[in-house]
Amino acid sequence: HTSTAIIAAFSFVIALAWKDLTLKVINENLAPKVLESYPYLSELITAVFVTIIAILGITLVSKWAKKE
């Protein structure tokens, strides 16, 4: 159970790092008019991207943890 908690903690930290980076990239590359029209668009794109990365990570860790 300890290894699961450690993996979860590292996953959380990694997700926060990716969230910050993704948010900065999106805000710099979307036109200001788009962000003015849709103020939550960058957060939505960031949430989807981080969710996809997290699902991939969880899948990989789950497959790795099942191997003996």
Protein backbone atom coordinates (compact mmCIF):
# COMPACT_ATOMS: atom_id res chain seq x y z
CA HIS A 1 0.00 0.00 0.00
CA THR A 2 2.91 2.33 0.61
CA SER A 3 4.10 2.05 -2.96
CA THR A 4 0.62 2.97 -4.20
CA ALA A 5 0.59 6.09 -2.04
CA ILE A 6 4.06 7.10 -3.23
CA ILE A 7 3.08 6.59 -6.88
CA ALA A 8 -0.08 8.65 -6.32
CA ALA A 9 1.92 11.48 -4.76
CA PHE A 10 4.43 11.55 -7.59
CA SER A 11 1.60 11.44 -10.13
CA PHE A 12 -0.05 14.42 -8.48
CA VAL A 13 3.16 16.46 -8.60
CA ILE A 14 3.75 15.52 -12.23
CA ALA A 15 0.18 16.49 -13.15
CA LEU A 16 0.63 19.90 -11.52
CA ALA A 17 3.84 20.50 -13.46
CA TRP A 18 2.22 19.52 -16.75
CA LYS A 19 -0.80 21.67 -15.96
CA ASP A 20 1.32 24.78 -15.48
CA LEU A 21 3.33 24.18 -18.63
CA THR A 22 0.30 23.38 -20.75
CA LEU A 23 -1.59 26.42 -19.50
CA LYS A 24 1.33 28.72 -20.38
CA VAL A 25 1.72 27.23 -23.86
CA ILE A 26 -2.00 27.51 -24.59
CA ASN A 27 -2.23 31.09 -23.32
CA GLU A 28 0.74 32.14 -25.46
CA ASN A 29 -0.48 30.44 -28.63
CA LEU A 30 -4.20 31.24 -28.62
CA ALA A 31 -5.21 34.57 -30.08
CA PRO A 32 -6.21 37.13 -27.45
CA LYS A 33 -9.61 37.53 -29.14
CA VAL A 34 -10.29 33.82 -28.71
CA LEU A 35 -9.41 34.00 -25.02
CA GLU A 36 -11.61 37.07 -24.60
CA SER A 37 -14.54 35.30 -26.25
CA TYR A 38 -14.00 32.03 -24.37
CA PRO A 39 -12.24 32.84 -21.08
CA TYR A 40 -12.22 29.22 -19.85
CA LEU A 41 -10.93 27.67 -23.08
CA SER A 42 -7.31 27.44 -21.95
CA GLU A 43 -8.30 25.77 -18.68
CA LEU A 44 -10.51 23.30 -20.56
CA ILE A 45 -7.75 22.34 -22.98
CA THR A 46 -5.30 22.01 -20.09
CA ALA A 47 -7.69 19.80 -18.11
CA VAL A 48 -8.27 17.50 -21.09
CA PHE A 49 -4.55 17.25 -21.84
CA VAL A 50 -3.56 16.52 -18.23
CA THR A 51 -6.40 13.97 -17.92
CA ILE A 52 -5.17 12.10 -20.99
CA ILE A 53 -1.58 12.08 -19.68
CA ALA A 54 -2.78 10.91 -16.25
CA ILE A 55 -4.86 8.09 -17.73
CA LEU A 56 -1.89 6.91 -19.77
CA GLY A 57 0.32 7.05 -16.68
CA ILE A 58 -2.17 5.16 -14.53
CA THR A 59 -2.53 2.52 -17.23
CA LEU A 60 1.23 2.05 -17.50
CA VAL A 61 1.72 1.90 -13.73
CA SER A 62 -1.14 -0.57 -13.36
CA LYS A 63 0.37 -2.88 -15.97
CA TRP A 64 3.80 -2.54 -14.35
CA ALA A 65 2.43 -3.23 -10.85
CA LYS A 66 0.68 -6.44 -11.97
CA LYS A 67 3.94 -7.98 -13.22
CA GLU A 68 5.66 -10.17 -10.66
